[in-house]
Amino acid sequence: MVTGKIKSDEKAYQTALREIKEETGLVPVQLWVAPTVNSFYEPKDEYICLLPVFAARVELDMVQLSDEHTEYKWVDKITAQKLLAWEGQRKAVQIIEDYFLNEKSFFHFVEIGIK
């Protein structure tokens, strides 16, 4: 799960691509908009933030962590859901698995063309 803030000159999907590369060194070859949104309340500045969810396919390569992280690991769905803090993130993992692996989803994932 990679996260990051959208810069003023970026679209959300561009942020996803940038953050994946910055934090892991991996370069997505395909990117989809998942049909779900994460949300949280920010009490300091008094706002509710809605975050789009993306799914990416990368050519498996060596992960090169940025200074923001000290370790990583590839895990199965159940383990990932146990490690994630937000309920919305855990639901997103299930939605993504259903769509790509179980073919049970009635949702439509929109693929974003990346160059």
N, C-alpha and C. Protein backbone atom coordinates (compact mmCIF):
# COMPACT_ATOMS: atom_id res chain seq x y z
N MET A 1 0.87 -1.17 0.00
CA MET A 1 0.00 0.00 0.00
C MET A 1 0.91 1.22 0.00
N VAL A 2 0.85 1.98 -1.06
CA VAL A 2 1.64 3.19 -1.20
C VAL A 2 0.68 4.38 -1.11
N THR A 3 1.07 5.39 -0.37
CA THR A 3 0.23 6.58 -0.24
C THR A 3 1.08 7.83 -0.42
N GLY A 4 0.42 8.95 -0.65
CA GLY A 4 1.14 10.20 -0.79
C GLY A 4 0.20 11.35 -1.06
N LYS A 5 0.73 12.55 -1.00
CA LYS A 5 -0.08 13.75 -1.21
C LYS A 5 -0.01 14.19 -2.66
N ILE A 6 -1.16 14.66 -3.15
CA ILE A 6 -1.25 15.16 -4.51
C ILE A 6 -0.64 16.56 -4.56
N LYS A 7 0.30 16.75 -5.48
CA LYS A 7 0.88 18.08 -5.69
C LYS A 7 -0.09 18.93 -6.49
N SER A 8 0.05 20.24 -6.40
CA SER A 8 -0.91 21.14 -7.03
C SER A 8 -0.98 20.98 -8.55
N ASP A 9 0.08 20.52 -9.17
CA ASP A 9 0.09 20.38 -10.63
C ASP A 9 -0.19 18.95 -11.09
N GLU A 10 -0.62 18.08 -10.18
CA GLU A 10 -0.83 16.67 -10.50
C GLU A 10 -2.30 16.28 -10.47
N LYS A 11 -2.60 15.25 -11.22
CA LYS A 11 -3.87 14.55 -11.09
C LYS A 11 -3.62 13.41 -10.12
N ALA A 12 -4.67 12.87 -9.52
CA ALA A 12 -4.52 11.82 -8.51
C ALA A 12 -3.77 10.61 -9.06
N TYR A 13 -4.08 10.19 -10.28
CA TYR A 13 -3.39 9.01 -10.83
C TYR A 13 -1.91 9.29 -11.07
N GLN A 14 -1.56 10.53 -11.40
CA GLN A 14 -0.15 10.88 -11.57
C GLN A 14 0.59 10.79 -10.23
N THR A 15 -0.10 11.18 -9.17
CA THR A 15 0.47 11.05 -7.83
C THR A 15 0.73 9.59 -7.51
N ALA A 16 -0.23 8.73 -7.83
CA ALA A 16 -0.06 7.29 -7.58
C ALA A 16 1.17 6.76 -8.30
N LEU A 17 1.32 7.10 -9.57
CA LEU A 17 2.48 6.64 -10.34
C LEU A 17 3.78 7.17 -9.74
N ARG A 18 3.80 8.45 -9.38
CA ARG A 18 5.00 9.06 -8.81
C ARG A 18 5.36 8.42 -7.47
N GLU A 19 4.36 8.27 -6.61
CA GLU A 19 4.62 7.73 -5.27
C GLU A 19 5.10 6.28 -5.33
N ILE A 20 4.51 5.49 -6.22
CA ILE A 20 4.98 4.10 -6.35
C ILE A 20 6.45 4.08 -6.71
N LYS A 21 6.82 4.90 -7.69
CA LYS A 21 8.22 4.93 -8.12
C LYS A 21 9.12 5.49 -7.03
N GLU A 22 8.70 6.60 -6.39
CA GLU A 22 9.53 7.22 -5.36
C GLU A 22 9.74 6.30 -4.16
N GLU A 23 8.67 5.63 -3.72
CA GLU A 23 8.76 4.85 -2.48
C GLU A 23 9.30 3.44 -2.68
N THR A 24 9.17 2.89 -3.90
CA THR A 24 9.56 1.49 -4.11
C THR A 24 10.56 1.29 -5.24
N GLY A 25 10.72 2.27 -6.10
CA GLY A 25 11.56 2.12 -7.28
C GLY A 25 10.87 1.34 -8.40
N LEU A 26 9.65 0.86 -8.16
CA LEU A 26 8.92 0.09 -9.16
C LEU A 26 8.19 1.04 -10.11
N VAL A 27 8.09 0.63 -11.38
CA VAL A 27 7.42 1.45 -12.38
C VAL A 27 6.18 0.70 -12.88
N PRO A 28 4.99 1.22 -12.62
CA PRO A 28 3.78 0.56 -13.09
C PRO A 28 3.72 0.51 -14.62
N VAL A 29 3.24 -0.63 -15.13
CA VAL A 29 3.02 -0.77 -16.57
C VAL A 29 1.53 -0.70 -16.88
N GLN A 30 0.68 -0.89 -15.87
CA GLN A 30 -0.75 -0.71 -16.00
C GLN A 30 -1.27 -0.12 -14.69
N LEU A 31 -2.33 0.70 -14.82
CA LEU A 31 -2.91 1.35 -13.65
C LEU A 31 -4.42 1.40 -13.84
N TRP A 32 -5.14 1.05 -12.79
CA TRP A 32 -6.60 1.07 -12.81
C TRP A 32 -7.14 1.90 -11.65
N VAL A 33 -8.30 2.50 -11.87
CA VAL A 33 -9.03 3.16 -10.80
C VAL A 33 -9.93 2.10 -10.19
N ALA A 34 -9.77 1.82 -8.92
CA ALA A 34 -10.63 0.86 -8.23
C ALA A 34 -11.94 1.55 -7.88
N PRO A 35 -13.04 0.84 -7.94
CA PRO A 35 -14.35 1.47 -7.68
C PRO A 35 -14.64 1.60 -6.18
N THR A 36 -13.76 2.28 -5.49
CA THR A 36 -13.93 2.53 -4.07
C THR A 36 -13.13 3.77 -3.70
N VAL A 37 -13.47 4.38 -2.59
CA VAL A 37 -12.80 5.59 -2.11
C VAL A 37 -12.53 5.41 -0.63
N ASN A 38 -11.33 5.77 -0.18
CA ASN A 38 -11.03 5.80 1.25
C ASN A 38 -11.32 7.21 1.75
N SER A 39 -11.66 7.31 3.02
CA SER A 39 -11.93 8.63 3.59
C SER A 39 -11.40 8.70 5.02
N PHE A 40 -11.07 9.91 5.43
CA PHE A 40 -10.72 10.14 6.83
C PHE A 40 -11.03 11.59 7.19
N TYR A 41 -11.19 11.81 8.47
CA TYR A 41 -11.48 13.13 9.00
C TYR A 41 -10.19 13.72 9.57
N GLU A 42 -9.89 14.96 9.21
CA GLU A 42 -8.72 15.67 9.71
C GLU A 42 -9.18 16.73 10.70
N PRO A 43 -9.10 16.44 12.02
CA PRO A 43 -9.62 17.39 13.01
C PRO A 43 -8.84 18.69 13.11
N LYS A 44 -7.53 18.65 12.86
CA LYS A 44 -6.71 19.86 12.98
C LYS A 44 -7.20 20.96 12.04
N ASP A 45 -7.41 20.61 10.78
CA ASP A 45 -7.85 21.60 9.79
C ASP A 45 -9.33 21.48 9.48
N GLU A 46 -10.03 20.58 10.17
CA GLU A 46 -11.47 20.43 10.07
C GLU A 46 -11.95 20.15 8.64
N TYR A 47 -11.52 19.00 8.11
CA TYR A 47 -12.02 18.61 6.80
C TYR A 47 -12.10 17.09 6.71
N ILE A 48 -12.89 16.64 5.75
CA ILE A 48 -12.99 15.22 5.44
C ILE A 48 -12.28 15.02 4.11
N CYS A 49 -11.35 14.09 4.08
CA CYS A 49 -10.56 13.83 2.89
C CYS A 49 -11.05 12.56 2.21
N LEU A 50 -11.30 12.63 0.92
CA LEU A 50 -11.68 11.46 0.13
C LEU A 50 -10.51 11.10 -0.77
N LEU A 51 -10.09 9.84 -0.70
CA LEU A 51 -8.90 9.39 -1.42
C LEU A 51 -9.26 8.33 -2.44
N PRO A 52 -8.90 8.54 -3.71
CA PRO A 52 -9.14 7.51 -4.71
C PRO A 52 -8.21 6.32 -4.46
N VAL A 53 -8.65 5.16 -4.91
CA VAL A 53 -7.86 3.94 -4.78
C VAL A 53 -7.47 3.48 -6.17
N PHE A 54 -6.20 3.13 -6.34
CA PHE A 54 -5.70 2.64 -7.61
C PHE A 54 -5.10 1.26 -7.42
N ALA A 55 -5.12 0.48 -8.47
CA ALA A 55 -4.44 -0.81 -8.51
C ALA A 55 -3.43 -0.73 -9.64
N ALA A 56 -2.23 -1.22 -9.41
CA ALA A 56 -1.18 -1.14 -10.42
C ALA A 56 -0.58 -2.51 -10.67
N ARG A 57 -0.15 -2.70 -11.90
CA ARG A 57 0.65 -3.89 -12.25
C ARG A 57 2.05 -3.39 -12.56
N VAL A 58 3.02 -4.02 -11.94
CA VAL A 58 4.42 -3.67 -12.18
C VAL A 58 5.14 -4.89 -12.72
N GLU A 59 6.16 -4.65 -13.49
CA GLU A 59 7.04 -5.74 -13.87
C GLU A 59 7.88 -6.03 -12.63
N LEU A 60 7.75 -7.24 -12.13
CA LEU A 60 8.44 -7.57 -10.88
C LEU A 60 9.93 -7.29 -11.02
N ASP A 61 10.42 -6.55 -10.13
CA ASP A 61 11.81 -6.12 -10.14
C ASP A 61 12.23 -5.97 -8.69
N MET A 62 13.44 -5.61 -8.49
CA MET A 62 13.95 -5.41 -7.14
C MET A 62 13.36 -4.12 -6.56
N VAL A 63 12.74 -4.23 -5.41
CA VAL A 63 12.21 -3.06 -4.72
C VAL A 63 13.37 -2.28 -4.14
N GLN A 64 13.36 -0.97 -4.37
CA GLN A 64 14.37 -0.07 -3.82
C GLN A 64 13.64 0.96 -2.98
N LEU A 65 13.65 0.75 -1.68
CA LEU A 65 12.90 1.64 -0.78
C LEU A 65 13.51 3.02 -0.69
N SER A 66 12.64 4.01 -0.57
CA SER A 66 13.08 5.39 -0.34
C SER A 66 13.45 5.53 1.13
N ASP A 67 13.94 6.70 1.49
CA ASP A 67 14.30 6.98 2.89
C ASP A 67 13.08 7.01 3.80
N GLU A 68 11.86 7.06 3.20
CA GLU A 68 10.64 7.08 4.00
C GLU A 68 10.36 5.74 4.66
N HIS A 69 11.01 4.68 4.20
CA HIS A 69 10.70 3.33 4.67
C HIS A 69 11.97 2.59 5.08
N THR A 70 11.80 1.63 5.96
CA THR A 70 12.94 0.82 6.40
C THR A 70 12.82 -0.63 5.95
N GLU A 71 11.62 -1.06 5.59
CA GLU A 71 11.44 -2.44 5.17
C GLU A 71 10.15 -2.58 4.37
N TYR A 72 10.03 -3.72 3.70
CA TYR A 72 8.81 -4.06 2.97
C TYR A 72 8.68 -5.57 2.96
N LYS A 73 7.50 -6.04 2.61
CA LYS A 73 7.33 -7.47 2.39
C LYS A 73 6.10 -7.68 1.52
N TRP A 74 6.16 -8.71 0.70
CA TRP A 74 5.02 -9.12 -0.11
C TRP A 74 4.20 -10.06 0.75
N VAL A 75 2.91 -9.82 0.82
CA VAL A 75 2.05 -10.63 1.67
C VAL A 75 0.78 -11.04 0.92
N ASP A 76 0.11 -12.04 1.45
CA ASP A 76 -1.18 -12.43 0.89
C ASP A 76 -2.27 -11.48 1.37
N LYS A 77 -3.45 -11.65 0.82
CA LYS A 77 -4.56 -10.74 1.12
C LYS A 77 -4.89 -10.68 2.61
N ILE A 78 -5.00 -11.81 3.25
CA ILE A 78 -5.38 -11.85 4.68
C ILE A 78 -4.36 -11.09 5.53
N THR A 79 -3.09 -11.34 5.28
CA THR A 79 -2.04 -10.66 6.03
C THR A 79 -2.07 -9.16 5.76
N ALA A 80 -2.26 -8.79 4.50
CA ALA A 80 -2.32 -7.37 4.15
C ALA A 80 -3.45 -6.69 4.90
N GLN A 81 -4.60 -7.33 4.92
CA GLN A 81 -5.75 -6.72 5.60
C GLN A 81 -5.50 -6.56 7.10
N LYS A 82 -4.77 -7.49 7.69
CA LYS A 82 -4.44 -7.37 9.13
C LYS A 82 -3.46 -6.23 9.39
N LEU A 83 -2.61 -5.93 8.42
CA LEU A 83 -1.59 -4.90 8.60
C LEU A 83 -2.10 -3.49 8.32
N LEU A 84 -3.18 -3.37 7.56
CA LEU A 84 -3.66 -2.05 7.17
C LEU A 84 -4.48 -1.39 8.27
N ALA A 85 -4.30 -0.09 8.42
CA ALA A 85 -4.92 0.64 9.53
C ALA A 85 -6.38 0.98 9.29
N TRP A 86 -6.74 1.33 8.07
CA TRP A 86 -8.09 1.83 7.80
C TRP A 86 -8.97 0.73 7.23
N GLU A 87 -10.22 0.74 7.67
CA GLU A 87 -11.20 -0.22 7.16
C GLU A 87 -11.34 -0.08 5.64
N GLY A 88 -11.31 1.15 5.14
CA GLY A 88 -11.41 1.38 3.70
C GLY A 88 -10.29 0.73 2.93
N GLN A 89 -9.08 0.71 3.50
CA GLN A 89 -7.95 0.05 2.85
C GLN A 89 -8.17 -1.46 2.81
N ARG A 90 -8.67 -2.00 3.91
CA ARG A 90 -8.92 -3.46 3.96
C ARG A 90 -10.00 -3.84 2.94
N LYS A 91 -11.04 -3.03 2.83
CA LYS A 91 -12.08 -3.30 1.83
C LYS A 91 -11.54 -3.19 0.42
N ALA A 92 -10.67 -2.23 0.19
CA ALA A 92 -10.07 -2.05 -1.14
C ALA A 92 -9.29 -3.29 -1.56
N VAL A 93 -8.57 -3.88 -0.63
CA VAL A 93 -7.83 -5.11 -0.94
C VAL A 93 -8.79 -6.20 -1.41
N GLN A 94 -9.92 -6.34 -0.72
CA GLN A 94 -10.91 -7.35 -1.10
C GLN A 94 -11.50 -7.07 -2.47
N ILE A 95 -11.84 -5.81 -2.73
CA ILE A 95 -12.42 -5.43 -4.01
C ILE A 95 -11.44 -5.72 -5.15
N ILE A 96 -10.18 -5.37 -4.94
CA ILE A 96 -9.16 -5.60 -5.97
C ILE A 96 -8.97 -7.09 -6.21
N GLU A 97 -8.91 -7.88 -5.14
CA GLU A 97 -8.76 -9.32 -5.32
C GLU A 97 -9.97 -9.91 -6.06
N ASP A 98 -11.17 -9.52 -5.66
CA ASP A 98 -12.36 -10.03 -6.32
C ASP A 98 -12.36 -9.73 -7.81
N TYR A 99 -11.93 -8.54 -8.16
CA TYR A 99 -11.96 -8.14 -9.57
C TYR A 99 -10.91 -8.88 -10.40
N PHE A 100 -9.67 -8.90 -9.91
CA PHE A 100 -8.59 -9.45 -10.72
C PHE A 100 -8.38 -10.95 -10.57
N LEU A 101 -8.66 -11.50 -9.40
CA LEU A 101 -8.37 -12.91 -9.18
C LEU A 101 -9.60 -13.80 -9.13
N ASN A 102 -10.66 -13.33 -8.52
CA ASN A 102 -11.83 -14.16 -8.33
C ASN A 102 -12.90 -13.96 -9.40
N GLU A 103 -12.78 -12.88 -10.16
CA GLU A 103 -13.76 -12.54 -11.19
C GLU A 103 -15.19 -12.55 -10.64
N LYS A 104 -15.32 -12.09 -9.38
CA LYS A 104 -16.63 -12.04 -8.71
C LYS A 104 -17.21 -10.64 -8.68
N SER A 105 -16.42 -9.68 -9.07
CA SER A 105 -16.85 -8.30 -8.91
C SER A 105 -17.82 -7.87 -9.99
N PHE A 106 -18.85 -7.14 -9.59
CA PHE A 106 -19.77 -6.54 -10.54
C PHE A 106 -19.31 -5.13 -10.90
N PHE A 107 -18.27 -4.66 -10.23
CA PHE A 107 -17.74 -3.33 -10.49
C PHE A 107 -16.92 -3.33 -11.77
N HIS A 108 -16.73 -2.15 -12.31
CA HIS A 108 -15.89 -1.98 -13.49
C HIS A 108 -14.67 -1.16 -13.10
N PHE A 109 -13.49 -1.70 -13.31
CA PHE A 109 -12.27 -0.96 -13.07
C PHE A 109 -11.91 -0.22 -14.36
N VAL A 110 -11.65 1.05 -14.26
CA VAL A 110 -11.26 1.84 -15.41
C VAL A 110 -9.74 1.85 -15.50
N GLU A 111 -9.22 1.42 -16.64
CA GLU A 111 -7.78 1.45 -16.83
C GLU A 111 -7.37 2.83 -17.31
N ILE A 112 -6.30 3.34 -16.71
CA ILE A 112 -5.76 4.64 -17.09
C ILE A 112 -4.56 4.37 -17.99
N GLY A 113 -4.58 4.94 -19.17
CA GLY A 113 -3.46 4.76 -20.09
C GLY A 113 -2.22 5.49 -19.57
N ILE A 114 -1.13 4.75 -19.43
CA ILE A 114 0.12 5.37 -19.01
C ILE A 114 1.15 5.15 -20.10
N LYS A 115 2.01 6.11 -20.25
CA LYS A 115 3.00 6.07 -21.34
C LYS A 115 4.28 5.47 -20.87
